[in-house]
Amino acid sequence: MLDKDIIEQLKSIFGNLKSDIVFLLQQSDNAAQSSEMKSFLDDVASTSPHLSVVESNDKAEAPTFEIVKNGQPTGVKFCGIPNGHEFTTLLLAILNSDGQGKNLPDETLASRIKVLKGPIDLQTFVSLTCTNCPDVAQALNIIAILNPSVQNTVIDGAVVPELVQPLNIQSVPSVYADGKPFSVGRSSLGDLLEKLESVYGFSDNTALQPVTREYDVIILGGGPAGAAAAVYCARKGFNTAVIAKSVGGQVRETMDIENLISVPKTTGPQLAADLKTHLSQYAIDIFEDRNVDSADVTGSEKTLVCGNETFKGKALIIATGAGWRKLSIPGESEHIGHGVAFCTHCDGPFYAGKRVAVIGGGNSGIEAAIDLAAMCPHVDVFEFLDTLKADGVLQSKSADINNIDIHVSSQVTEIIGDGKNVSGIKVKDRVSGAETVYPVSGVFVQIGLVPNSSLFKDSIAITRSGEIIVDERCRTSVNGVYAAGDVTTVPYKQIVVAMGEGAKAALSVFEDSMRGMLG
C-alpha cells in the first residue's frame, strides 16, 4: 500500500527505535476497510524489527488501532487510516512513544502534563486534508503518552459518519472530552493543556514549582518577525529567549507562498519548519506552547509570567503577529464550528456540494473562493468596499470560474441559523440600502487580521485598531520595549516585511545597549 520510496524513508526514520511497538488492530464489519488498514499497518511495521501488528478480537465502528509500547498501552489510538496530513501524526506518535521526536515538550510542560488529573477520554475528529488538525492531534497524543490517565483517539471523520452526523461536526479539528465538546479549530499544545488543567485540575500541585529565567533579550512570538529578531540578537551575542505558542505563528496557516524573495515557492508549514531549523543553529532558548498570563514592562527589567514560569529580560521584542478578524455580527459566535469557518483547507470538505459564502475580497478571500469553487456548486464572495482588494492575478483567475459570484459594496449584517447549522446570511447593499438573504450552508470569514496586542494595551501606546505604535527603529513608547511585524503600525503585512522588521528591532536593541540606554 505504501510507496517503496516512503518505506525506505521510514526505515531511516525508525532506525533508532529502542522499544517494541505494537499496532493493536481492531477490525470492523467493513471487510474492505479492515483489509486496507491491515495492509497499511503491515507496510509500516515492515520498516523496523521493533514494529509489529497484532489483531484484537474486539471490533470497532471503523478499523482502529492502538499503539502499545513494551506491552503497555500508550493511550494513543487511530480510527481510520492516518494518511494525508495525519501520516506525520502517526510517525510522531511512534517516535514519541519511544521517547524520541523534536516535538516533545520541555521539562516544564512535561511536568504539567504528568500531573493532569484523570481519567480523561479524548476524541479528536480530523479531516485528512486539514492542515491545522495535525497540530491538535499531535499535541493531544503527547499528553496521552506522557500521562497514563489520558487517552486520545484520532478519528478520520470521513470513515465514521455515524459518529460525526449525530454530533453535527462541521469544522475540524473538533475535540470531545469524555463525550462533551472541548475544543474546535486550531490550538497549540499550550492552549489545550491550559484548558485541560482548568477543566480537570491537577493530581499533585506540588510538582509545579515556580521557575525564574533571566535573559538579555526576550522575544515574544515565533513567526517570521520573531525568528528574524532572535537570529540577529543571537548573532550580536545576546543571551536570547523566544516565547511562543509555536515557531512559525500565523504563517503556518498559509499554504502557498510565492513572494518570499529568493524562494520561488514554499508553504507555510515548510517555512515554519525552516525557521525552526535556522533558530536551532544558534544558542537561542525556545519556549513553545506558552501562554503569557501577565507582563510588566514598567521597570528597567521586563517581566513575563507564563504559569509557574517567570521570564525576565533587559529588553523585550514583541512579535506576536495577528489573528483572524471576526465579523462581530449577530449569529456569528454561536455558529463558529457549525457553519462559520475561517480555514477552507480544514473545513471546506464539510461543505462539498453545498452553496457557501466567503466574506472578504482580499487575497485570502479570493483564494478561499477559488478553493471552494472546486467542491461547492456555488460560491458568493461579499466585499464591503466598492472594489476587490485582491491581486489582479487572483481576480482574473476567479473571474474565469463560472460558479463564483462577486458582490462588492456589500455589508454582511447577520448570519442566520439554529445554532447547529447555518441556513443563510443577510447582506445589505451599501449603494441601494436593500437587504437580501442568501441561502448558504457555510460562511468563510476572510476579512483580515487583528493585532495580538491586548496584553500590552494598558502599558504601551497602541492605535485604535490595536497596532503597537513603533518608530522607524521599531522602538515603542516604553524604553527597552520594541515591536516588529504584523502587530505593529508598519504597513504591508507581508512575510518579507516582517522578517526585515524583526532584524531591525534586534539591531535597535544592540544599538541602544551600546549607548547604555537599557537597564
Protein backbone atom coordinates (compact mmCIF):
# COMPACT_ATOMS: atom_id res chain seq x y z
CA MET A 1 0.00 0.00 0.00
CA LEU A 2 2.86 2.38 0.80
CA ASP A 3 5.17 3.56 -1.95
CA LYS A 4 8.60 1.91 -1.96
CA ASP A 5 10.33 5.28 -1.54
CA ILE A 6 8.22 6.02 1.54
CA ILE A 7 9.06 2.62 3.01
CA GLU A 8 12.76 3.33 2.56
CA GLN A 9 12.34 6.70 4.28
CA LEU A 10 10.53 5.04 7.18
CA LYS A 11 13.37 2.59 7.61
CA SER A 12 15.64 5.55 8.21
CA ILE A 13 13.15 7.34 10.49
CA PHE A 14 12.63 4.26 12.66
CA GLY A 15 16.25 3.12 12.56
CA ASN A 16 16.89 4.12 16.18
CA LEU A 17 13.76 2.68 17.80
CA LYS A 18 14.56 1.05 21.14
CA SER A 19 11.10 0.00 22.32
CA ASP A 20 8.91 -2.73 20.92
CA ILE A 21 5.88 -1.00 19.39
CA VAL A 22 2.76 -3.00 18.58
CA PHE A 23 -0.17 -1.78 16.48
CA LEU A 24 -3.13 -3.47 18.22
CA LEU A 25 -5.73 -3.63 15.44
CA GLN A 26 -9.49 -3.70 15.92
CA GLN A 27 -11.22 -4.52 12.66
CA SER A 28 -14.76 -3.54 11.68
CA ASP A 29 -17.63 -5.19 9.86
CA ASN A 30 -16.43 -3.48 6.70
CA ALA A 31 -14.09 -6.13 5.28
CA ALA A 32 -12.61 -3.87 2.61
CA GLN A 33 -11.72 -1.13 5.11
CA SER A 34 -10.29 -3.66 7.54
CA SER A 35 -8.15 -5.28 4.86
CA GLU A 36 -6.87 -1.89 3.76
CA MET A 37 -5.97 -0.93 7.33
CA LYS A 38 -4.17 -4.25 7.87
CA SER A 39 -2.17 -3.77 4.67
CA PHE A 40 -1.25 -0.21 5.67
CA LEU A 41 -0.06 -1.24 9.13
CA ASP A 42 1.86 -4.22 7.77
CA ASP A 43 3.75 -1.88 5.44
CA VAL A 44 4.61 0.48 8.30
CA ALA A 45 5.63 -2.41 10.56
CA SER A 46 7.89 -3.84 7.84
CA THR A 47 10.23 -0.87 8.24
CA SER A 48 11.60 -1.88 11.66
CA PRO A 49 12.08 -5.10 13.66
CA HIS A 50 10.69 -3.16 16.64
CA LEU A 51 7.30 -2.69 14.93
CA SER A 52 4.58 -5.33 14.61
CA VAL A 53 0.84 -5.76 14.09
CA VAL A 54 -1.41 -7.79 16.39
CA GLU A 55 -5.11 -8.28 15.65
CA SER A 56 -7.58 -7.94 18.51
CA ASN A 57 -10.74 -9.99 18.87
CA ASP A 58 -12.71 -6.81 19.54
CA LYS A 59 -14.39 -4.84 16.77
CA ALA A 60 -14.95 -1.10 16.27
CA GLU A 61 -17.17 1.21 14.18
CA ALA A 62 -14.28 1.56 11.73
CA PRO A 63 -10.86 -0.09 11.66
CA THR A 64 -8.99 1.23 14.71
CA PHE A 65 -5.57 0.55 16.15
CA GLU A 66 -3.86 1.40 19.41
CA ILE A 67 -0.15 1.98 19.87
CA VAL A 68 1.25 -0.32 22.55
CA LYS A 69 4.80 0.12 23.87
CA ASN A 70 6.59 -2.79 25.51
CA GLY A 71 3.26 -4.38 26.32
CA GLN A 72 1.75 -1.24 27.84
CA PRO A 73 -0.91 0.93 26.12
CA THR A 74 0.27 4.43 25.28
CA GLY A 75 -3.23 5.92 25.25
CA VAL A 76 -2.96 6.77 21.55
CA LYS A 77 -5.44 5.32 19.07
CA PHE A 78 -6.23 5.97 15.40
CA CYS A 79 -9.70 5.34 13.93
CA GLY A 80 -9.31 5.19 10.16
CA ILE A 81 -6.08 5.08 8.20
CA PRO A 82 -3.94 8.11 9.13
CA ASN A 83 -2.99 9.12 5.61
CA GLY A 84 -2.71 12.62 4.20
CA HIS A 85 -1.67 15.24 6.72
CA GLU A 86 -2.16 12.73 9.55
CA PHE A 87 0.57 10.37 8.30
CA THR A 88 3.10 12.56 10.09
CA THR A 89 0.92 12.34 13.20
CA LEU A 90 1.31 8.57 13.15
CA LEU A 91 5.08 8.73 12.66
CA LEU A 92 5.45 11.17 15.55
CA ALA A 93 3.20 9.07 17.78
CA ILE A 94 5.53 6.10 17.23
CA LEU A 95 8.65 8.17 17.88
CA ASN A 96 7.12 9.97 20.87
CA SER A 97 6.10 6.65 22.40
CA ASP A 98 9.76 5.67 22.18
CA GLY A 99 10.82 8.95 23.83
CA GLN A 100 12.01 10.50 20.57
CA GLY A 101 10.91 13.43 18.43
CA LYS A 102 11.74 17.12 18.23
CA ASN A 103 8.12 17.94 19.06
CA LEU A 104 8.33 16.59 22.61
CA PRO A 105 7.74 19.33 25.20
CA ASP A 106 10.39 20.70 27.51
CA GLU A 107 10.66 19.64 31.13
CA THR A 108 8.34 22.36 32.48
CA LEU A 109 5.48 21.49 30.12
CA ALA A 110 6.04 17.77 30.58
CA SER A 111 5.73 18.14 34.36
CA ARG A 112 2.40 19.92 33.95
CA ILE A 113 1.11 17.19 31.64
CA LYS A 114 2.12 14.42 34.04
CA VAL A 115 0.10 15.87 36.92
CA LEU A 116 -3.15 16.34 34.97
CA LYS A 117 -5.94 14.70 36.90
CA GLY A 118 -7.63 11.88 35.02
CA PRO A 119 -9.10 9.78 33.71
CA ILE A 120 -9.64 11.79 30.52
CA ASP A 121 -11.00 10.21 27.32
CA LEU A 122 -10.39 12.42 24.29
CA GLN A 123 -11.73 12.03 20.74
CA THR A 124 -10.08 14.21 18.10
CA PHE A 125 -12.09 14.37 14.88
CA VAL A 126 -9.94 15.29 11.88
CA SER A 127 -10.01 15.51 8.12
CA LEU A 128 -7.06 14.13 6.19
CA THR A 129 -7.00 17.34 4.11
CA CYS A 130 -6.92 19.62 7.16
CA THR A 131 -3.65 21.47 7.75
CA ASN A 132 -4.50 22.52 11.31
CA CYS A 133 -5.63 19.09 12.50
CA PRO A 134 -2.16 17.53 12.89
CA ASP A 135 -1.07 20.18 15.40
CA VAL A 136 -4.03 19.38 17.66
CA ALA A 137 -3.86 15.60 17.17
CA GLN A 138 -0.12 15.52 17.84
CA ALA A 139 -0.42 17.72 20.92
CA LEU A 140 -3.12 15.53 22.47
CA ASN A 141 -1.18 12.38 21.58
CA ILE A 142 1.80 13.75 23.50
CA ILE A 143 -0.43 14.43 26.51
CA ALA A 144 -1.74 10.86 26.35
CA ILE A 145 1.76 9.39 26.04
CA LEU A 146 3.11 11.36 28.99
CA ASN A 147 0.07 10.86 31.24
CA PRO A 148 -1.26 7.29 31.57
CA SER A 149 -4.65 8.54 32.76
CA VAL A 150 -5.31 10.23 29.39
CA GLN A 151 -6.43 8.53 26.18
CA ASN A 152 -6.69 10.21 22.77
CA THR A 153 -8.32 8.69 19.70
CA VAL A 154 -7.59 10.44 16.39
CA ILE A 155 -10.67 9.88 14.26
CA ASP A 156 -10.93 10.39 10.50
CA GLY A 157 -14.45 11.76 10.37
CA ALA A 158 -14.94 10.53 6.81
CA VAL A 159 -14.92 6.87 7.85
CA VAL A 160 -17.37 7.17 10.75
CA PRO A 161 -20.30 9.30 9.55
CA GLU A 162 -22.44 7.50 12.15
CA LEU A 163 -20.39 9.31 14.81
CA VAL A 164 -19.96 12.64 13.03
CA GLN A 165 -23.55 13.27 11.99
CA PRO A 166 -25.19 12.99 15.44
CA LEU A 167 -22.55 15.36 16.82
CA ASN A 168 -23.17 17.76 13.90
CA ILE A 169 -19.45 18.27 13.35
CA GLN A 170 -18.88 20.84 10.60
CA SER A 171 -15.40 22.01 11.47
CA VAL A 172 -12.15 20.28 12.26
CA PRO A 173 -10.25 19.66 14.34
CA SER A 174 -13.10 19.03 16.78
CA VAL A 175 -12.14 17.59 20.15
CA TYR A 176 -14.51 15.89 22.58
CA ALA A 177 -13.51 15.17 26.18
CA ASP A 178 -15.48 12.42 27.93
CA GLY A 179 -18.18 12.79 25.31
CA LYS A 180 -18.56 16.57 25.66
CA PRO A 181 -17.41 19.30 23.22
CA PHE A 182 -14.00 20.52 24.33
CA SER A 183 -12.23 22.39 21.50
CA VAL A 184 -12.86 23.41 17.89
CA GLY A 185 -10.26 24.70 15.47
CA ARG A 186 -6.59 25.37 15.66
CA SER A 187 -4.99 25.16 19.11
CA SER A 188 -1.47 24.75 20.40
CA LEU A 189 -0.28 22.27 23.00
CA GLY A 190 -0.17 25.14 25.48
CA ASP A 191 -3.77 26.14 24.75
CA LEU A 192 -5.04 22.58 25.06
CA LEU A 193 -3.07 21.86 28.21
CA GLU A 194 -4.28 25.05 29.88
CA LYS A 195 -7.88 24.15 29.04
CA LEU A 196 -7.49 20.60 30.34
CA GLU A 197 -5.98 21.98 33.55
CA SER A 198 -8.94 24.31 34.03
CA VAL A 199 -11.48 21.51 33.49
CA TYR A 200 -9.80 18.56 35.23
CA GLY A 201 -7.27 20.10 37.62
CA PHE A 202 -4.08 18.53 38.98
CA SER A 203 -3.36 15.31 40.79
CA ASP A 204 -0.34 16.88 42.51
CA ASN A 205 0.03 20.68 42.75
CA THR A 206 3.40 20.42 44.49
CA ALA A 207 5.00 19.21 41.25
CA LEU A 208 4.63 22.68 39.70
CA GLN A 209 7.40 24.63 41.37
CA PRO A 210 7.91 28.27 40.30
CA VAL A 211 10.82 28.87 37.93
CA THR A 212 12.55 32.17 37.08
CA ARG A 213 14.55 32.52 33.85
CA GLU A 214 16.71 35.56 33.08
CA TYR A 215 17.91 36.75 29.66
CA ASP A 216 19.39 39.76 27.91
CA VAL A 217 16.58 39.81 25.35
CA ILE A 218 13.17 38.16 25.43
CA ILE A 219 11.34 37.80 22.12
CA LEU A 220 7.60 37.22 22.37
CA GLY A 221 6.38 35.48 19.23
CA GLY A 222 7.90 32.88 16.91
CA GLY A 223 6.71 33.96 13.47
CA PRO A 224 8.87 35.47 10.73
CA ALA A 225 9.45 38.68 12.70
CA GLY A 226 10.25 36.90 15.96
CA ALA A 227 12.54 34.36 14.29
CA ALA A 228 14.47 37.06 12.45
CA ALA A 229 14.82 39.08 15.65
CA ALA A 230 16.11 36.02 17.51
CA VAL A 231 18.73 35.19 14.91
CA TYR A 232 20.02 38.79 14.85
CA CYS A 233 20.05 39.01 18.66
CA ALA A 234 21.98 35.75 18.95
CA ARG A 235 24.49 36.91 16.35
CA LYS A 236 25.07 40.06 18.40
CA GLY A 237 25.93 37.91 21.40
CA PHE A 238 22.78 38.45 23.44
CA ASN A 239 21.50 35.70 25.73
CA THR A 240 18.19 35.26 23.93
CA ALA A 241 14.88 33.53 24.61
CA VAL A 242 11.89 33.08 22.30
CA ILE A 243 8.49 32.58 23.94
CA ALA A 244 5.78 31.50 21.51
CA LYS A 245 2.76 29.30 21.04
CA SER A 246 4.60 27.81 18.07
CA VAL A 247 7.53 28.71 15.85
CA GLY A 248 6.05 29.88 12.56
CA GLY A 249 2.96 31.53 14.01
CA GLN A 250 0.18 32.57 11.67
CA VAL A 251 2.29 31.70 8.63
CA ARG A 252 1.62 28.01 9.34
CA GLU A 253 -1.91 28.51 8.00
CA THR A 254 -0.73 29.81 4.62
CA MET A 255 -0.45 27.10 2.02
CA ASP A 256 1.22 28.68 -0.99
CA ILE A 257 3.95 31.30 -0.58
CA GLU A 258 5.39 32.61 -3.83
CA ASN A 259 6.58 36.12 -2.89
CA LEU A 260 9.36 35.37 -0.40
CA ILE A 261 12.31 36.73 -2.33
CA SER A 262 14.89 34.09 -3.37
CA VAL A 263 12.45 31.30 -2.51
CA PRO A 264 10.28 30.85 -5.65
CA LYS A 265 7.71 28.71 -3.88
CA THR A 266 7.15 27.22 -0.44
CA THR A 267 4.34 26.51 2.01
CA GLY A 268 3.56 27.89 5.44
CA PRO A 269 4.29 24.63 7.29
CA GLN A 270 7.57 24.26 5.41
CA LEU A 271 8.58 27.85 6.13
CA ALA A 272 7.77 27.32 9.82
CA ALA A 273 10.00 24.22 9.83
CA ASP A 274 12.77 26.17 8.09
CA LEU A 275 12.52 28.97 10.66
CA LYS A 276 12.87 26.44 13.47
CA THR A 277 15.87 24.85 11.78
CA HIS A 278 17.53 28.23 11.41
CA LEU A 279 16.91 29.10 15.06
CA SER A 280 18.45 25.80 16.11
CA GLN A 281 21.78 26.90 14.60
CA TYR A 282 22.20 29.44 17.41
CA ALA A 283 22.25 29.40 21.21
CA ILE A 284 18.64 30.52 21.46
CA ASP A 285 16.35 29.12 24.15
CA ILE A 286 12.95 28.40 22.61
CA PHE A 287 9.90 28.06 24.85
CA GLU A 288 6.97 26.93 22.70
CA ASP A 289 3.38 26.28 23.77
CA ARG A 290 3.42 29.16 26.25
CA ASN A 291 0.53 31.47 27.05
CA VAL A 292 1.56 34.70 28.76
CA ASP A 293 -0.61 35.44 31.78
CA SER A 294 0.80 38.88 32.58
CA ALA A 295 3.51 41.31 31.56
CA ASP A 296 5.28 44.12 33.42
CA VAL A 297 7.33 46.45 31.21
CA THR A 298 7.42 49.47 33.52
CA GLY A 299 10.86 48.96 35.04
CA SER A 300 14.33 48.52 33.64
CA GLU A 301 13.75 44.77 33.75
CA LYS A 302 10.87 43.43 31.65
CA THR A 303 8.91 40.54 33.15
CA LEU A 304 6.58 37.98 31.57
CA VAL A 305 4.70 35.36 33.58
CA CYS A 306 3.64 32.08 31.95
CA GLY A 307 2.01 29.84 34.52
CA ASN A 308 4.67 28.82 37.02
CA GLU A 309 7.45 30.35 34.86
CA THR A 310 8.70 33.93 35.13
CA PHE A 311 10.87 35.36 32.36
CA LYS A 312 12.98 38.47 32.93
CA GLY A 313 14.99 40.45 30.39
CA LYS A 314 16.69 43.78 29.88
CA ALA A 315 14.91 44.16 26.54
CA LEU A 316 11.65 42.82 25.13
CA ILE A 317 10.79 42.47 21.44
CA ILE A 318 7.07 41.96 20.81
CA ALA A 319 6.43 39.98 17.64
CA THR A 320 3.07 38.44 18.43
CA GLY A 321 1.59 38.91 14.97
CA ALA A 322 -2.14 38.91 14.39
CA GLY A 323 -5.12 36.54 14.49
CA TRP A 324 -8.26 36.09 12.41
CA ARG A 325 -10.62 39.07 12.49
CA LYS A 326 -14.25 38.21 13.19
CA LEU A 327 -17.34 39.89 11.79
CA SER A 328 -18.86 40.59 15.22
CA ILE A 329 -22.41 40.39 13.88
CA PRO A 330 -25.50 38.53 15.16
CA GLY A 331 -25.30 34.79 14.57
CA GLU A 332 -21.53 34.56 14.13
CA SER A 333 -20.25 33.42 17.52
CA GLU A 334 -22.92 30.76 18.06
CA HIS A 335 -22.20 29.20 14.65
CA ILE A 336 -18.40 29.03 14.77
CA GLY A 337 -17.69 25.39 14.03
CA HIS A 338 -21.30 24.94 12.95
CA GLY A 339 -21.42 26.79 9.64
CA VAL A 340 -18.96 29.62 10.29
CA ALA A 341 -15.33 28.83 9.50
CA PHE A 342 -12.02 30.57 8.86
CA CYS A 343 -9.95 27.96 7.01
CA THR A 344 -11.02 26.48 3.68
CA HIS A 345 -8.26 23.86 3.72
CA CYS A 346 -9.55 22.49 7.02
CA ASP A 347 -13.29 22.86 6.74
CA GLY A 348 -14.00 23.17 3.02
CA PRO A 349 -14.66 19.43 2.52
CA PHE A 350 -17.57 19.59 5.01
CA TYR A 351 -19.38 21.85 2.56
CA ALA A 352 -18.83 19.84 -0.61
CA GLY A 353 -21.99 20.01 -2.69
CA LYS A 354 -23.35 22.98 -0.73
CA ARG A 355 -23.64 26.68 -1.50
CA VAL A 356 -21.26 28.78 0.57
CA ALA A 357 -20.25 32.39 1.11
CA VAL A 358 -16.85 33.99 1.52
CA ILE A 359 -16.66 37.30 3.36
CA GLY A 360 -13.79 39.45 2.17
CA GLY A 361 -12.39 40.37 -1.23
CA GLY A 362 -8.69 40.48 -0.40
CA ASN A 363 -6.12 37.88 -1.40
CA SER A 364 -7.20 35.40 1.27
CA GLY A 365 -10.87 35.80 0.37
CA ILE A 366 -10.43 35.25 -3.36
CA GLU A 367 -8.03 32.36 -2.76
CA ALA A 368 -10.66 30.81 -0.48
CA ALA A 369 -13.36 31.26 -3.12
CA ILE A 370 -11.19 29.58 -5.77
CA ASP A 371 -10.54 26.63 -3.45
CA LEU A 372 -14.21 26.27 -2.52
CA ALA A 373 -15.41 26.54 -6.12
CA ALA A 374 -13.77 23.21 -6.86
CA MET A 375 -16.03 21.41 -4.36
CA CYS A 376 -19.12 23.60 -3.98
CA PRO A 377 -21.80 24.25 -6.62
CA HIS A 378 -21.85 27.98 -5.92
CA VAL A 379 -19.66 30.46 -4.06
CA ASP A 380 -20.72 34.02 -3.25
CA VAL A 381 -17.98 36.49 -2.34
CA PHE A 382 -19.01 39.62 -0.43
CA GLU A 383 -16.70 42.65 -0.23
CA PHE A 384 -17.55 45.72 1.86
CA LEU A 385 -15.68 48.16 -0.42
CA ASP A 386 -16.70 49.03 -3.96
CA THR A 387 -13.74 47.16 -5.46
CA LEU A 388 -11.87 43.97 -4.66
CA LYS A 389 -8.56 44.28 -2.82
CA ALA A 390 -7.06 41.04 -4.15
CA ASP A 391 -4.12 40.95 -6.54
CA GLY A 392 -5.02 41.21 -10.20
CA VAL A 393 -3.87 37.68 -10.99
CA LEU A 394 -6.29 36.28 -8.40
CA GLN A 395 -9.15 38.44 -9.62
CA SER A 396 -8.57 37.24 -13.17
CA LYS A 397 -8.48 33.63 -12.08
CA SER A 398 -11.73 33.93 -10.10
CA ALA A 399 -13.44 35.72 -13.00
CA ASP A 400 -12.83 32.66 -15.17
CA ILE A 401 -14.66 30.37 -12.73
CA ASN A 402 -18.36 30.34 -13.57
CA ASN A 403 -19.67 29.27 -10.15
CA ILE A 404 -18.17 32.25 -8.29
CA ASP A 405 -20.25 35.42 -7.93
CA ILE A 406 -18.61 38.59 -6.66
CA HIS A 407 -20.69 41.15 -4.71
CA VAL A 408 -18.98 44.47 -3.92
CA SER A 409 -20.35 47.29 -1.74
CA SER A 410 -21.91 44.54 0.34
CA GLN A 411 -22.19 44.54 4.13
CA VAL A 412 -23.00 41.24 5.82
CA THR A 413 -25.26 42.09 8.74
CA GLU A 414 -26.39 38.73 10.14
CA ILE A 415 -25.72 35.01 9.96
CA ILE A 416 -28.94 33.03 10.05
CA GLY A 417 -29.20 29.58 11.60
CA ASP A 418 -30.43 27.50 14.51
CA GLY A 419 -27.15 27.21 16.40
CA LYS A 420 -26.43 23.84 14.80
CA ASN A 421 -26.48 24.77 11.12
CA VAL A 422 -26.29 27.94 9.04
CA SER A 423 -29.14 28.44 6.60
CA GLY A 424 -28.30 31.86 5.18
CA ILE A 425 -26.75 35.30 5.54
CA LYS A 426 -28.35 38.71 5.44
CA VAL A 427 -26.48 41.23 3.26
CA LYS A 428 -27.07 44.96 2.87
CA ASP A 429 -26.32 46.67 -0.44
CA ARG A 430 -24.34 49.76 0.61
CA VAL A 431 -25.45 51.66 -2.51
CA SER A 432 -29.20 51.00 -2.59
CA GLY A 433 -29.68 50.10 1.08
CA ALA A 434 -31.63 46.99 0.13
CA GLU A 435 -31.18 43.84 2.23
CA THR A 436 -31.08 40.35 0.73
CA VAL A 437 -30.93 36.94 2.37
CA TYR A 438 -28.65 34.48 0.55
CA PRO A 439 -29.34 30.78 1.25
CA VAL A 440 -25.92 29.37 2.14
CA SER A 441 -24.82 26.48 4.34
CA GLY A 442 -21.36 27.75 5.15
CA VAL A 443 -19.72 31.13 5.74
CA PHE A 444 -15.94 31.51 5.45
CA VAL A 445 -14.72 34.71 7.09
CA GLN A 446 -11.66 36.22 5.39
CA ILE A 447 -11.60 39.88 6.46
CA GLY A 448 -8.06 40.24 7.62
CA LEU A 449 -6.27 40.05 10.93
CA VAL A 450 -6.43 41.60 14.40
CA PRO A 451 -3.10 42.50 16.10
CA ASN A 452 -2.31 40.30 19.11
CA SER A 453 -1.52 43.25 21.36
CA SER A 454 -4.14 43.04 24.14
CA LEU A 455 -1.52 42.04 26.71
CA PHE A 456 0.06 45.48 26.36
CA LYS A 457 -2.96 47.71 25.77
CA ASP A 458 -2.54 49.45 29.16
CA SER A 459 1.24 49.78 29.13
CA ILE A 460 2.32 50.60 25.56
CA ALA A 461 0.93 53.09 23.06
CA ILE A 462 -1.29 51.37 20.50
CA THR A 463 -3.69 52.57 17.83
CA ARG A 464 -7.47 52.28 17.99
CA SER A 465 -7.22 49.20 15.80
CA GLY A 466 -4.78 47.58 18.23
CA GLU A 467 -1.49 48.03 16.38
CA ILE A 468 1.54 48.79 18.55
CA ILE A 469 2.96 52.18 17.57
CA VAL A 470 6.64 51.98 16.60
CA ASP A 471 9.16 54.43 15.22
CA GLU A 472 11.47 53.81 12.26
CA ARG A 473 13.72 51.69 14.52
CA CYS A 474 10.94 49.51 15.97
CA ARG A 475 11.03 51.29 19.33
CA THR A 476 7.74 51.54 21.22
CA SER A 477 6.61 54.18 23.70
CA VAL A 478 8.38 52.28 26.51
CA ASN A 479 12.15 52.27 26.83
CA GLY A 480 13.59 48.81 26.30
CA VAL A 481 10.48 47.50 24.55
CA TYR A 482 10.48 47.00 20.79
CA ALA A 483 7.91 45.56 18.39
CA ALA A 484 8.06 44.09 14.91
CA GLY A 485 5.83 42.55 12.26
CA ASP A 486 2.06 42.38 11.88
CA VAL A 487 1.38 43.51 15.46
CA THR A 488 2.77 46.97 14.68
CA THR A 489 1.82 50.06 12.70
CA VAL A 490 4.29 49.17 9.94
CA PRO A 491 2.28 48.96 6.70
CA TYR A 492 2.11 45.95 4.38
CA LYS A 493 1.57 42.81 6.41
CA GLN A 494 3.89 40.58 4.44
CA ILE A 495 6.30 37.82 5.49
CA VAL A 496 9.31 39.50 3.92
CA VAL A 497 8.43 42.82 5.60
CA ALA A 498 8.02 41.12 8.98
CA MET A 499 11.42 39.47 8.66
CA GLY A 500 13.05 42.79 7.92
CA GLU A 501 11.31 44.46 10.83
CA GLY A 502 12.40 41.67 13.18
CA ALA A 503 16.02 42.15 12.14
CA LYS A 504 15.66 45.91 12.56
CA ALA A 505 14.26 45.53 16.07
CA ALA A 506 17.22 43.35 17.09
CA LEU A 507 19.69 45.84 15.65
CA SER A 508 17.96 48.62 17.58
CA VAL A 509 18.34 46.61 20.79
CA PHE A 510 22.04 46.27 20.07
CA GLU A 511 22.39 49.99 19.27
CA ASP A 512 20.56 51.03 22.44
CA SER A 513 22.60 48.59 24.50
CA MET A 514 25.85 50.06 23.18
CA ARG A 515 24.61 53.53 24.12
CA GLY A 516 23.74 52.43 27.65
CA MET A 517 20.05 53.06 27.13
CA LEU A 518 18.96 49.69 28.53
CA GLY A 519 18.78 48.86 32.23
